[in-house]
Amino acid sequence: MTEKSDLVKVERRGAVCEVVIDRVAARNAVNLELCHKLHEVFSGFEMGEDIRAVLLRSEGPVFCAGADLKERNGRDEAWVIARRQAAFRAYMSIETCPLPVLCAVQGPVVGSGGEIAMASDFIVASDKATFLFPEPQWGTVGATQRLQRVIGVSSAKELLFTSRKMGVNEAHARGLVARVLPADGFLDAARDIAAKVAEAPHLAMQLTKRAVDEGGQTDLASGIEIELGAISSGPEQQQLACGDRTVQQ
């Protein structure tokens, strides 16, 4: 099953839904319409038996060339602010999606492309991927919040201040990328990982994602209470009630 807009394709592959950015002629640069479409797609996902995971990717050799600065020509300040707010809504809809979201990065990632990727649950990247956060050098502000939370304040400042291109191995070492895969066969490998994620019981996956996300915002003791609450909410109790195997502790 494939649904297509001018900028985003939504393709169903078994229990995995692929969300594909398709603005190849503009190197998948983020414009206002793309922000609206990503928000619409990710806001529409629900956790259930049908779709168990999302694979977010893009067409062409470039994952995303950043914000489309050309669309700002002739626009007033109110439009620019509204455009930024639309982008933040799009990123947040990816981040708060109840389904696990895997982002597959096949090539260069610039600015807003990094925001899209970091809003996912984890990133797998081709060994040809690179990461660049040039916002200050381009005379704007961006990537100041998610990036520092992923790689640390000092490292985020160094990348933002200098506009240095970061290779995929460094991105992996710093925790931005979860796994590096060979460029040859990259998409098939990313699909295999997404399919593995989709195999998990949907309630256990939903509660695990929620517990990790909520626990990351608090101290360890409070995080353990969040996990205990997730356990009492259902997956182990459901397995016991059904005579199925329990989760090993």
C-alpha atoms as a PDB file:
ATOM      1  CA  MET A   1       0.000   0.000   0.000  1.00  0.00           C
ATOM      2  CA  THR A   2       1.347   3.424  -0.977  1.00  0.00           C
ATOM      3  CA  GLU A   3      -0.097   6.866  -0.367  1.00  0.00           C
ATOM      4  CA  LYS A   4       1.636   9.825  -1.951  1.00  0.00           C
ATOM      5  CA  SER A   5       1.613  13.585  -1.581  1.00  0.00           C
ATOM      6  CA  ASP A   6       3.929  15.833  -3.549  1.00  0.00           C
ATOM      7  CA  LEU A   7       6.511  15.696  -0.775  1.00  0.00           C
ATOM      8  CA  VAL A   8       5.894  12.649   1.415  1.00  0.00           C
ATOM      9  CA  LYS A   9       5.129   9.035   0.597  1.00  0.00           C
ATOM     10  CA  VAL A  10       3.582   6.685   3.134  1.00  0.00           C
ATOM     11  CA  GLU A  11       4.265   3.046   2.283  1.00  0.00           C
ATOM     12  CA  ARG A  12       3.059   0.016   4.210  1.00  0.00           C
ATOM     13  CA  ARG A  13       5.404  -2.988   4.400  1.00  0.00           C
ATOM     14  CA  GLY A  14       3.890  -5.585   6.657  1.00  0.00           C
ATOM     15  CA  ALA A  15       3.790  -4.213  10.191  1.00  0.00           C
ATOM     16  CA  VAL A  16       6.160  -1.364   9.279  1.00  0.00           C
ATOM     17  CA  CYS A  17       5.008   1.946   7.844  1.00  0.00           C
ATOM     18  CA  GLU A  18       7.622   3.820   5.829  1.00  0.00           C
ATOM     19  CA  VAL A  19       7.404   7.607   5.785  1.00  0.00           C
ATOM     20  CA  VAL A  20       9.516   8.811   2.876  1.00  0.00           C
ATOM     21  CA  ILE A  21      10.549  12.413   2.307  1.00  0.00           C
ATOM     22  CA  ASP A  22      10.456  12.868  -1.449  1.00  0.00           C
ATOM     23  CA  ARG A  23      11.726  16.277  -2.496  1.00  0.00           C
ATOM     24  CA  VAL A  24      14.757  15.044  -4.361  1.00  0.00           C
ATOM     25  CA  ALA A  25      15.022  17.990  -6.759  1.00  0.00           C
ATOM     26  CA  ALA A  26      15.567  20.269  -3.740  1.00  0.00           C
ATOM     27  CA  ARG A  27      17.856  17.744  -1.998  1.00  0.00           C
ATOM     28  CA  ASN A  28      14.947  17.078   0.380  1.00  0.00           C
ATOM     29  CA  ALA A  29      15.234  20.562   1.887  1.00  0.00           C
ATOM     30  CA  VAL A  30      12.547  21.368   4.442  1.00  0.00           C
ATOM     31  CA  ASN A  31       9.908  23.879   3.395  1.00  0.00           C
ATOM     32  CA  LEU A  32       6.617  24.890   4.980  1.00  0.00           C
ATOM     33  CA  GLU A  33       4.555  22.359   3.063  1.00  0.00           C
ATOM     34  CA  LEU A  34       6.847  19.529   4.098  1.00  0.00           C
ATOM     35  CA  CYS A  35       6.552  20.604   7.754  1.00  0.00           C
ATOM     36  CA  HIS A  36       2.758  20.487   7.508  1.00  0.00           C
ATOM     37  CA  LYS A  37       2.806  17.080   5.828  1.00  0.00           C
ATOM     38  CA  LEU A  38       5.172  15.493   8.343  1.00  0.00           C
ATOM     39  CA  HIS A  39       3.036  16.818  11.193  1.00  0.00           C
ATOM     40  CA  GLU A  40      -0.105  15.459   9.554  1.00  0.00           C
ATOM     41  CA  VAL A  41       1.375  12.012   8.967  1.00  0.00           C
ATOM     42  CA  PHE A  42       2.979  11.500  12.369  1.00  0.00           C
ATOM     43  CA  SER A  43       0.027  12.956  14.283  1.00  0.00           C
ATOM     44  CA  GLY A  44      -2.153  10.332  12.649  1.00  0.00           C
ATOM     45  CA  PHE A  45      -0.286   7.271  13.936  1.00  0.00           C
ATOM     46  CA  GLU A  46      -1.788   5.148  16.691  1.00  0.00           C
ATOM     47  CA  MET A  47      -0.275   2.170  18.481  1.00  0.00           C
ATOM     48  CA  GLY A  48      -2.159  -1.008  17.628  1.00  0.00           C
ATOM     49  CA  GLU A  49      -2.057  -4.445  16.115  1.00  0.00           C
ATOM     50  CA  ASP A  50      -1.755  -3.266  12.501  1.00  0.00           C
ATOM     51  CA  ILE A  51       1.282  -0.980  12.368  1.00  0.00           C
ATOM     52  CA  ARG A  52       4.041  -1.676  14.886  1.00  0.00           C
ATOM     53  CA  ALA A  53       6.910   0.561  13.757  1.00  0.00           C
ATOM     54  CA  VAL A  54       7.756   3.492  11.494  1.00  0.00           C
ATOM     55  CA  LEU A  55      10.786   3.760   9.221  1.00  0.00           C
ATOM     56  CA  LEU A  56      11.480   7.416   8.396  1.00  0.00           C
ATOM     57  CA  ARG A  57      13.731   7.906   5.387  1.00  0.00           C
ATOM     58  CA  SER A  58      14.162   9.993   2.248  1.00  0.00           C
ATOM     59  CA  GLU A  59      14.679   9.440  -1.454  1.00  0.00           C
ATOM     60  CA  GLY A  60      17.872  10.247  -3.328  1.00  0.00           C
ATOM     61  CA  PRO A  61      21.497  10.482  -2.207  1.00  0.00           C
ATOM     62  CA  VAL A  62      20.919  13.279   0.355  1.00  0.00           C
ATOM     63  CA  PHE A  63      18.838  12.685   3.472  1.00  0.00           C
ATOM     64  CA  CYS A  64      18.068  16.388   3.918  1.00  0.00           C
ATOM     65  CA  ALA A  65      19.902  19.574   2.908  1.00  0.00           C
ATOM     66  CA  GLY A  66      18.389  21.606   5.744  1.00  0.00           C
ATOM     67  CA  ALA A  67      15.816  24.368   5.651  1.00  0.00           C
ATOM     68  CA  ASP A  68      14.779  25.724   2.270  1.00  0.00           C
ATOM     69  CA  LEU A  69      16.021  29.283   2.691  1.00  0.00           C
ATOM     70  CA  LYS A  70      14.783  30.315  -0.759  1.00  0.00           C
ATOM     71  CA  GLU A  71      11.157  30.213   0.350  1.00  0.00           C
ATOM     72  CA  ARG A  72      11.896  33.008   2.842  1.00  0.00           C
ATOM     73  CA  ASN A  73      12.712  35.530   0.113  1.00  0.00           C
ATOM     74  CA  GLY A  74      10.306  38.433   0.360  1.00  0.00           C
ATOM     75  CA  ARG A  75       8.615  37.080   3.485  1.00  0.00           C
ATOM     76  CA  ASP A  76       8.004  39.229   6.558  1.00  0.00           C
ATOM     77  CA  GLU A  77       9.023  38.413  10.124  1.00  0.00           C
ATOM     78  CA  ALA A  78       5.598  37.015  11.016  1.00  0.00           C
ATOM     79  CA  TRP A  79       5.841  34.483   8.197  1.00  0.00           C
ATOM     80  CA  VAL A  80       9.340  33.420   9.257  1.00  0.00           C
ATOM     81  CA  ILE A  81       8.172  32.882  12.853  1.00  0.00           C
ATOM     82  CA  ALA A  82       5.120  30.911  11.682  1.00  0.00           C
ATOM     83  CA  ARG A  83       7.395  28.803   9.484  1.00  0.00           C
ATOM     84  CA  ARG A  84       9.645  27.995  12.442  1.00  0.00           C
ATOM     85  CA  GLN A  85       6.663  27.092  14.598  1.00  0.00           C
ATOM     86  CA  ALA A  86       5.442  24.719  11.881  1.00  0.00           C
ATOM     87  CA  ALA A  87       8.859  23.067  11.853  1.00  0.00           C
ATOM     88  CA  PHE A  88       8.849  22.614  15.629  1.00  0.00           C
ATOM     89  CA  ARG A  89       5.365  21.062  15.445  1.00  0.00           C
ATOM     90  CA  ALA A  90       6.609  18.641  12.806  1.00  0.00           C
ATOM     91  CA  TYR A  91       9.635  17.608  14.869  1.00  0.00           C
ATOM     92  CA  MET A  92       7.538  17.206  18.007  1.00  0.00           C
ATOM     93  CA  SER A  93       4.980  15.037  16.212  1.00  0.00           C
ATOM     94  CA  ILE A  94       7.802  12.677  15.256  1.00  0.00           C
ATOM     95  CA  GLU A  95       9.176  12.686  18.800  1.00  0.00           C
ATOM     96  CA  THR A  96       5.797  12.032  20.440  1.00  0.00           C
ATOM     97  CA  CYS A  97       4.629   9.394  17.954  1.00  0.00           C
ATOM     98  CA  PRO A  98       3.359   6.420  20.014  1.00  0.00           C
ATOM     99  CA  LEU A  99       5.005   4.009  17.583  1.00  0.00           C
ATOM    100  CA  PRO A 100       8.759   3.363  17.622  1.00  0.00           C
ATOM    101  CA  VAL A 101      10.332   5.540  14.925  1.00  0.00           C
ATOM    102  CA  LEU A 102      13.584   4.470  13.272  1.00  0.00           C
ATOM    103  CA  CYS A 103      15.300   7.043  11.042  1.00  0.00           C
ATOM    104  CA  ALA A 104      17.440   5.752   8.162  1.00  0.00           C
ATOM    105  CA  VAL A 105      20.045   8.272   6.994  1.00  0.00           C
ATOM    106  CA  GLN A 106      21.716   7.442   3.695  1.00  0.00           C
ATOM    107  CA  GLY A 107      23.801  10.560   3.020  1.00  0.00           C
ATOM    108  CA  PRO A 108      24.370  14.189   4.068  1.00  0.00           C
ATOM    109  CA  VAL A 109      22.253  15.547   6.910  1.00  0.00           C
ATOM    110  CA  VAL A 110      22.170  19.320   7.311  1.00  0.00           C
ATOM    111  CA  GLY A 111      20.472  21.543   9.897  1.00  0.00           C
ATOM    112  CA  SER A 112      16.744  20.818   9.923  1.00  0.00           C
ATOM    113  CA  GLY A 113      17.465  17.345   8.604  1.00  0.00           C
ATOM    114  CA  GLY A 114      19.299  16.692  11.851  1.00  0.00           C
ATOM    115  CA  GLU A 115      16.275  17.889  13.815  1.00  0.00           C
ATOM    116  CA  ILE A 116      14.065  15.434  11.929  1.00  0.00           C
ATOM    117  CA  ALA A 117      16.498  12.587  12.519  1.00  0.00           C
ATOM    118  CA  MET A 118      17.067  13.385  16.206  1.00  0.00           C
ATOM    119  CA  ALA A 119      13.312  13.541  16.803  1.00  0.00           C
ATOM    120  CA  SER A 120      13.124   9.840  15.950  1.00  0.00           C
ATOM    121  CA  ASP A 121      13.793   7.133  18.539  1.00  0.00           C
ATOM    122  CA  PHE A 122      17.114   6.186  17.005  1.00  0.00           C
ATOM    123  CA  ILE A 123      19.135   6.670  13.845  1.00  0.00           C
ATOM    124  CA  VAL A 124      20.794   4.089  11.639  1.00  0.00           C
ATOM    125  CA  ALA A 125      23.143   5.591   9.099  1.00  0.00           C
ATOM    126  CA  SER A 126      24.977   4.585   5.973  1.00  0.00           C
ATOM    127  CA  ASP A 127      28.751   4.690   6.175  1.00  0.00           C
ATOM    128  CA  LYS A 128      28.489   7.550   3.653  1.00  0.00           C
ATOM    129  CA  ALA A 129      26.372   9.746   5.969  1.00  0.00           C
ATOM    130  CA  THR A 130      27.641  13.090   7.282  1.00  0.00           C
ATOM    131  CA  PHE A 131      26.158  15.604   9.728  1.00  0.00           C
ATOM    132  CA  LEU A 132      26.377  19.388   9.548  1.00  0.00           C
ATOM    133  CA  PHE A 133      24.724  22.019  11.768  1.00  0.00           C
ATOM    134  CA  PRO A 134      25.576  25.336  10.083  1.00  0.00           C
ATOM    135  CA  GLU A 135      22.798  27.550  11.438  1.00  0.00           C
ATOM    136  CA  PRO A 136      24.937  30.290  13.096  1.00  0.00           C
ATOM    137  CA  GLN A 137      27.208  30.464  10.060  1.00  0.00           C
ATOM    138  CA  TRP A 138      24.093  30.908   7.908  1.00  0.00           C
ATOM    139  CA  GLY A 139      22.895  33.785  10.082  1.00  0.00           C
ATOM    140  CA  THR A 140      20.125  31.939  11.880  1.00  0.00           C
ATOM    141  CA  VAL A 141      19.517  29.869  15.031  1.00  0.00           C
ATOM    142  CA  GLY A 142      18.631  26.185  15.138  1.00  0.00           C
ATOM    143  CA  ALA A 143      19.504  22.736  16.506  1.00  0.00           C
ATOM    144  CA  THR A 144      20.367  24.309  19.864  1.00  0.00           C
ATOM    145  CA  GLN A 145      18.213  21.987  21.988  1.00  0.00           C
ATOM    146  CA  ARG A 146      18.050  18.418  20.689  1.00  0.00           C
ATOM    147  CA  LEU A 147      21.698  18.333  19.631  1.00  0.00           C
ATOM    148  CA  GLN A 148      23.065  19.250  23.073  1.00  0.00           C
ATOM    149  CA  ARG A 149      20.814  16.664  24.700  1.00  0.00           C
ATOM    150  CA  VAL A 150      22.187  13.959  22.423  1.00  0.00           C
ATOM    151  CA  ILE A 151      25.920  14.728  22.288  1.00  0.00           C
ATOM    152  CA  GLY A 152      26.448  17.149  25.184  1.00  0.00           C
ATOM    153  CA  VAL A 153      26.658  20.910  25.515  1.00  0.00           C
ATOM    154  CA  SER A 154      30.326  21.406  24.627  1.00  0.00           C
ATOM    155  CA  SER A 155      30.236  19.142  21.581  1.00  0.00           C
ATOM    156  CA  ALA A 156      27.018  20.762  20.339  1.00  0.00           C
ATOM    157  CA  LYS A 157      28.522  24.244  20.662  1.00  0.00           C
ATOM    158  CA  GLU A 158      31.665  23.197  18.808  1.00  0.00           C
ATOM    159  CA  LEU A 159      29.658  21.840  15.864  1.00  0.00           C
ATOM    160  CA  LEU A 160      27.276  24.805  15.790  1.00  0.00           C
ATOM    161  CA  PHE A 161      29.905  27.502  16.218  1.00  0.00           C
ATOM    162  CA  THR A 162      32.353  26.111  13.646  1.00  0.00           C
ATOM    163  CA  SER A 163      29.942  24.537  11.125  1.00  0.00           C
ATOM    164  CA  ARG A 164      32.268  21.541  11.015  1.00  0.00           C
ATOM    165  CA  LYS A 165      31.036  18.534   9.069  1.00  0.00           C
ATOM    166  CA  MET A 166      30.925  15.452  11.288  1.00  0.00           C
ATOM    167  CA  GLY A 167      31.546  12.024   9.789  1.00  0.00           C
ATOM    168  CA  VAL A 168      29.330   9.078  10.552  1.00  0.00           C
ATOM    169  CA  ASN A 169      31.859   7.253  12.724  1.00  0.00           C
ATOM    170  CA  GLU A 170      32.250  10.279  14.972  1.00  0.00           C
ATOM    171  CA  ALA A 171      28.465  10.668  15.060  1.00  0.00           C
ATOM    172  CA  HIS A 172      28.225   7.049  16.172  1.00  0.00           C
ATOM    173  CA  ALA A 173      30.913   7.498  18.823  1.00  0.00           C
ATOM    174  CA  ARG A 174      29.103  10.545  20.208  1.00  0.00           C
ATOM    175  CA  GLY A 175      25.762   8.716  20.404  1.00  0.00           C
ATOM    176  CA  LEU A 176      23.981  10.587  17.638  1.00  0.00           C
ATOM    177  CA  VAL A 177      23.864   7.472  15.441  1.00  0.00           C
ATOM    178  CA  ALA A 178      22.857   4.135  16.960  1.00  0.00           C
ATOM    179  CA  ARG A 179      24.252   1.925  14.221  1.00  0.00           C
ATOM    180  CA  VAL A 180      26.399   2.377  11.103  1.00  0.00           C
ATOM    181  CA  LEU A 181      25.597   0.149   8.125  1.00  0.00           C
ATOM    182  CA  PRO A 182      27.365  -0.355   4.776  1.00  0.00           C
ATOM    183  CA  ALA A 183      26.050   1.850   1.975  1.00  0.00           C
ATOM    184  CA  ASP A 184      25.704  -1.235  -0.184  1.00  0.00           C
ATOM    185  CA  GLY A 185      22.365  -2.748   0.807  1.00  0.00           C
ATOM    186  CA  PHE A 186      21.677   0.022   3.337  1.00  0.00           C
ATOM    187  CA  LEU A 187      17.924   0.321   2.786  1.00  0.00           C
ATOM    188  CA  ASP A 188      17.350  -3.428   3.010  1.00  0.00           C
ATOM    189  CA  ALA A 189      19.359  -3.554   6.239  1.00  0.00           C
ATOM    190  CA  ALA A 190      17.393  -0.629   7.700  1.00  0.00           C
ATOM    191  CA  ARG A 191      14.153  -2.356   6.750  1.00  0.00           C
ATOM    192  CA  ASP A 192      15.320  -5.519   8.499  1.00  0.00           C
ATOM    193  CA  ILE A 193      15.947  -3.557  11.696  1.00  0.00           C
ATOM    194  CA  ALA A 194      12.528  -1.912  11.484  1.00  0.00           C
ATOM    195  CA  ALA A 195      10.917  -5.320  10.930  1.00  0.00           C
ATOM    196  CA  LYS A 196      12.702  -6.644  14.038  1.00  0.00           C
ATOM    197  CA  VAL A 197      11.352  -3.735  16.087  1.00  0.00           C
ATOM    198  CA  ALA A 198       7.867  -4.443  14.729  1.00  0.00           C
ATOM    199  CA  GLU A 199       8.012  -8.053  15.955  1.00  0.00           C
ATOM    200  CA  ALA A 200       7.708  -7.031  19.617  1.00  0.00           C
ATOM    201  CA  PRO A 201       4.296  -7.176  21.348  1.00  0.00           C
ATOM    202  CA  HIS A 202       2.799  -3.776  20.707  1.00  0.00           C
ATOM    203  CA  LEU A 203       1.810  -2.979  24.307  1.00  0.00           C
ATOM    204  CA  ALA A 204       5.265  -3.846  25.660  1.00  0.00           C
ATOM    205  CA  MET A 205       6.859  -1.668  22.981  1.00  0.00           C
ATOM    206  CA  GLN A 206       4.503   1.238  23.651  1.00  0.00           C
ATOM    207  CA  LEU A 207       5.147   1.137  27.400  1.00  0.00           C
ATOM    208  CA  THR A 208       8.893   0.707  26.932  1.00  0.00           C
ATOM    209  CA  LYS A 209       9.094   3.775  24.703  1.00  0.00           C
ATOM    210  CA  ARG A 210       7.032   5.792  27.160  1.00  0.00           C
ATOM    211  CA  ALA A 211       9.103   4.651  30.144  1.00  0.00           C
ATOM    212  CA  VAL A 212      12.399   5.523  28.460  1.00  0.00           C
ATOM    213  CA  ASP A 213      11.141   8.928  27.306  1.00  0.00           C
ATOM    214  CA  GLU A 214       9.582   9.876  30.644  1.00  0.00           C
ATOM    215  CA  GLY A 215      12.426   8.395  32.678  1.00  0.00           C
ATOM    216  CA  GLY A 216      14.970  10.410  30.731  1.00  0.00           C
ATOM    217  CA  GLN A 217      13.392  13.585  32.105  1.00  0.00           C
ATOM    218  CA  THR A 218      13.851  12.712  35.771  1.00  0.00           C
ATOM    219  CA  ASP A 219      16.172  11.102  38.329  1.00  0.00           C
ATOM    220  CA  LEU A 220      16.862   7.348  38.592  1.00  0.00           C
ATOM    221  CA  ALA A 221      14.580   6.684  41.564  1.00  0.00           C
ATOM    222  CA  SER A 222      11.662   8.387  39.855  1.00  0.00           C
ATOM    223  CA  GLY A 223      12.530   6.575  36.642  1.00  0.00           C
ATOM    224  CA  ILE A 224      12.312   3.218  38.407  1.00  0.00           C
ATOM    225  CA  GLU A 225       8.854   4.188  39.629  1.00  0.00           C
ATOM    226  CA  ILE A 226       7.910   4.960  36.022  1.00  0.00           C
ATOM    227  CA  GLU A 227       9.134   1.505  34.957  1.00  0.00           C
ATOM    228  CA  LEU A 228       7.251  -0.204  37.788  1.00  0.00           C
ATOM    229  CA  GLY A 229       4.145   1.675  36.698  1.00  0.00           C
ATOM    230  CA  ALA A 230       4.653   0.462  33.145  1.00  0.00           C
ATOM    231  CA  ILE A 231       5.056  -3.125  34.350  1.00  0.00           C
ATOM    232  CA  SER A 232       1.856  -2.938  36.393  1.00  0.00           C
ATOM    233  CA  SER A 233       0.058  -1.474  33.375  1.00  0.00           C
ATOM    234  CA  GLY A 234       0.109  -4.662  31.503  1.00  0.00           C
ATOM    235  CA  PRO A 235       2.559  -6.597  29.376  1.00  0.00           C
ATOM    236  CA  GLU A 236       3.816  -9.014  32.044  1.00  0.00           C
ATOM    237  CA  GLN A 237       0.397  -9.298  33.660  1.00  0.00           C
ATOM    238  CA  GLN A 238      -1.169 -10.025  30.290  1.00  0.00           C
ATOM    239  CA  GLN A 239       1.426 -12.702  29.583  1.00  0.00           C
ATOM    240  CA  LEU A 240       0.852 -14.323  32.957  1.00  0.00           C
ATOM    241  CA  ALA A 241      -2.889 -14.280  32.437  1.00  0.00           C
ATOM    242  CA  CYS A 242      -2.458 -15.922  29.028  1.00  0.00           C
ATOM    243  CA  GLY A 243       0.064 -18.473  30.245  1.00  0.00           C
ATOM    244  CA  ASP A 244       2.677 -16.943  27.933  1.00  0.00           C
ATOM    245  CA  ARG A 245       6.337 -16.520  28.784  1.00  0.00           C
ATOM    246  CA  THR A 246       7.192 -13.677  31.155  1.00  0.00           C
ATOM    247  CA  VAL A 247       9.766 -11.003  30.560  1.00  0.00           C
ATOM    248  CA  GLN A 248      13.069 -12.001  32.121  1.00  0.00           C
ATOM    249  CA  GLN A 249      14.233  -9.600  34.817  1.00  0.00           C
END
